[in-house]
């Protein structure tokens, strides 16, 4: 893996983990606060953060896929992972196994 590929891989990893954590916080903390305790501001603010991270994630998938020469199916699964709880974490684990390196 050359420097450019390593940079894209690290960038994608950090963004995907941040997006995954924000999604879990939104589902696991903000939504129960909104509907269980009538505190909708948690969803408002965390929703904005998650939305921004989601857009960044989708934006970064394509240059990362080109740089790392991902197949269509791997790119597709990267996109699907963004909308599933725990998806980015599972995709990252599988990516680490297939790349045979930790970044």
Protein backbone atom coordinates (compact mmCIF):
# COMPACT_ATOMS: atom_id res chain seq x y z
CA UNK A 1 0.00 0.00 0.00
CA UNK A 2 1.54 3.31 -1.02
CA UNK A 3 1.28 6.58 0.94
CA UNK A 4 -1.73 7.89 -0.96
CA UNK A 5 -3.67 4.66 -0.48
CA UNK A 6 -2.74 4.57 3.21
CA UNK A 7 -3.94 8.16 3.63
CA UNK A 8 -7.31 7.39 2.01
CA UNK A 9 -7.66 4.21 4.06
CA UNK A 10 -6.97 6.03 7.33
CA UNK A 11 -9.28 8.89 6.40
CA UNK A 12 -12.07 6.49 5.51
CA UNK A 13 -11.59 4.49 8.70
CA UNK A 14 -11.85 7.53 10.97
CA UNK A 15 -14.85 8.96 9.17
CA UNK A 16 -16.65 5.61 9.09
CA UNK A 17 -16.07 5.02 12.81
CA UNK A 18 -17.25 8.55 13.67
CA UNK A 19 -20.35 8.09 11.51
CA UNK A 20 -21.05 4.71 13.10
CA UNK A 21 -20.73 6.07 16.64
CA UNK A 22 -22.94 9.05 15.85
CA UNK A 23 -25.60 6.73 14.43
CA UNK A 24 -25.53 4.53 17.52
CA UNK A 25 -25.72 7.58 19.80
CA UNK A 26 -28.65 8.89 17.79
CA UNK A 27 -30.52 5.58 18.01
CA UNK A 28 -29.47 4.55 21.50
CA UNK A 29 -29.49 7.81 23.44
CA UNK A 30 -31.09 10.68 21.53
CA UNK A 31 -34.19 8.84 20.32
CA UNK A 32 -35.05 7.42 23.77
CA UNK A 33 -34.55 10.89 25.26
CA UNK A 34 -36.91 12.38 22.69
CA UNK A 35 -39.69 9.83 22.96
CA UNK A 36 -39.25 8.63 26.54
CA UNK A 37 -38.42 11.86 28.34
CA UNK A 38 -39.75 14.53 25.93
CA UNK A 39 -36.28 15.97 25.24
CA UNK A 40 -36.23 16.55 21.47
CA UNK A 41 -33.09 18.73 21.45
CA UNK A 42 -30.85 15.67 21.71
CA UNK A 43 -32.17 14.42 18.37
CA UNK A 44 -31.93 17.88 16.84
CA UNK A 45 -28.25 18.40 17.64
CA UNK A 46 -27.04 14.83 17.34
CA UNK A 47 -29.09 14.48 14.16
CA UNK A 48 -27.22 17.42 12.63
CA UNK A 49 -23.87 15.92 13.59
CA UNK A 50 -24.82 12.50 12.29
CA UNK A 51 -26.22 13.97 9.08
CA UNK A 52 -23.00 15.86 8.39
CA UNK A 53 -20.89 12.77 9.11
CA UNK A 54 -23.15 10.66 6.89
CA UNK A 55 -22.72 13.07 3.96
CA UNK A 56 -18.95 13.14 4.49
CA UNK A 57 -18.89 9.34 4.66
CA UNK A 58 -20.76 8.99 1.36
CA UNK A 59 -18.52 11.64 -0.21
CA UNK A 60 -15.33 9.81 0.92
CA UNK A 61 -16.42 6.30 -0.13
CA UNK A 62 -15.91 6.96 -3.85
CA UNK A 63 -12.35 8.40 -3.83
CA UNK A 64 -11.36 5.72 -1.31
CA UNK A 65 -12.79 3.02 -3.56
CA UNK A 66 -10.85 4.39 -6.52
CA UNK A 67 -7.62 4.74 -4.57
CA UNK A 68 -7.79 1.27 -3.02
CA UNK A 69 -9.18 -0.33 -6.21
CA UNK A 70 -12.30 -1.71 -4.56
CA UNK A 71 -14.68 -3.85 -6.57
CA UNK A 72 -18.22 -2.69 -7.27
CA UNK A 73 -19.57 -5.04 -4.60
CA UNK A 74 -17.18 -3.75 -1.91
CA UNK A 75 -18.11 -0.16 -2.76
CA UNK A 76 -21.78 -1.08 -2.67
CA UNK A 77 -21.39 -2.72 0.76
CA UNK A 78 -19.55 0.36 2.03
CA UNK A 79 -22.57 2.43 1.04
CA UNK A 80 -25.04 -0.04 2.57
CA UNK A 81 -23.01 -0.13 5.79
CA UNK A 82 -23.70 3.56 6.32
CA UNK A 83 -27.43 2.98 6.80
CA UNK A 84 -27.21 -0.06 9.10
CA UNK A 85 -26.56 0.08 12.83
CA UNK A 86 -23.08 -1.38 13.44
CA UNK A 87 -22.58 -1.46 9.65
CA UNK A 88 -19.47 0.74 9.54
CA UNK A 89 -17.83 -1.34 12.28
CA UNK A 90 -18.50 -4.63 10.50
CA UNK A 91 -17.34 -3.21 7.18
CA UNK A 92 -14.15 -1.89 8.81
CA UNK A 93 -13.40 -5.27 10.38
CA UNK A 94 -13.90 -7.05 7.05
CA UNK A 95 -11.78 -4.44 5.28
CA UNK A 96 -8.95 -4.93 7.78
CA UNK A 97 -9.08 -8.70 7.26
CA UNK A 98 -9.00 -8.40 3.48
CA UNK A 99 -6.22 -5.78 3.42
CA UNK A 100 -4.10 -7.86 5.85
CA UNK A 101 -3.00 -4.66 7.56
CA UNK A 102 -4.08 -2.37 10.37
CA UNK A 103 -4.34 1.30 9.56
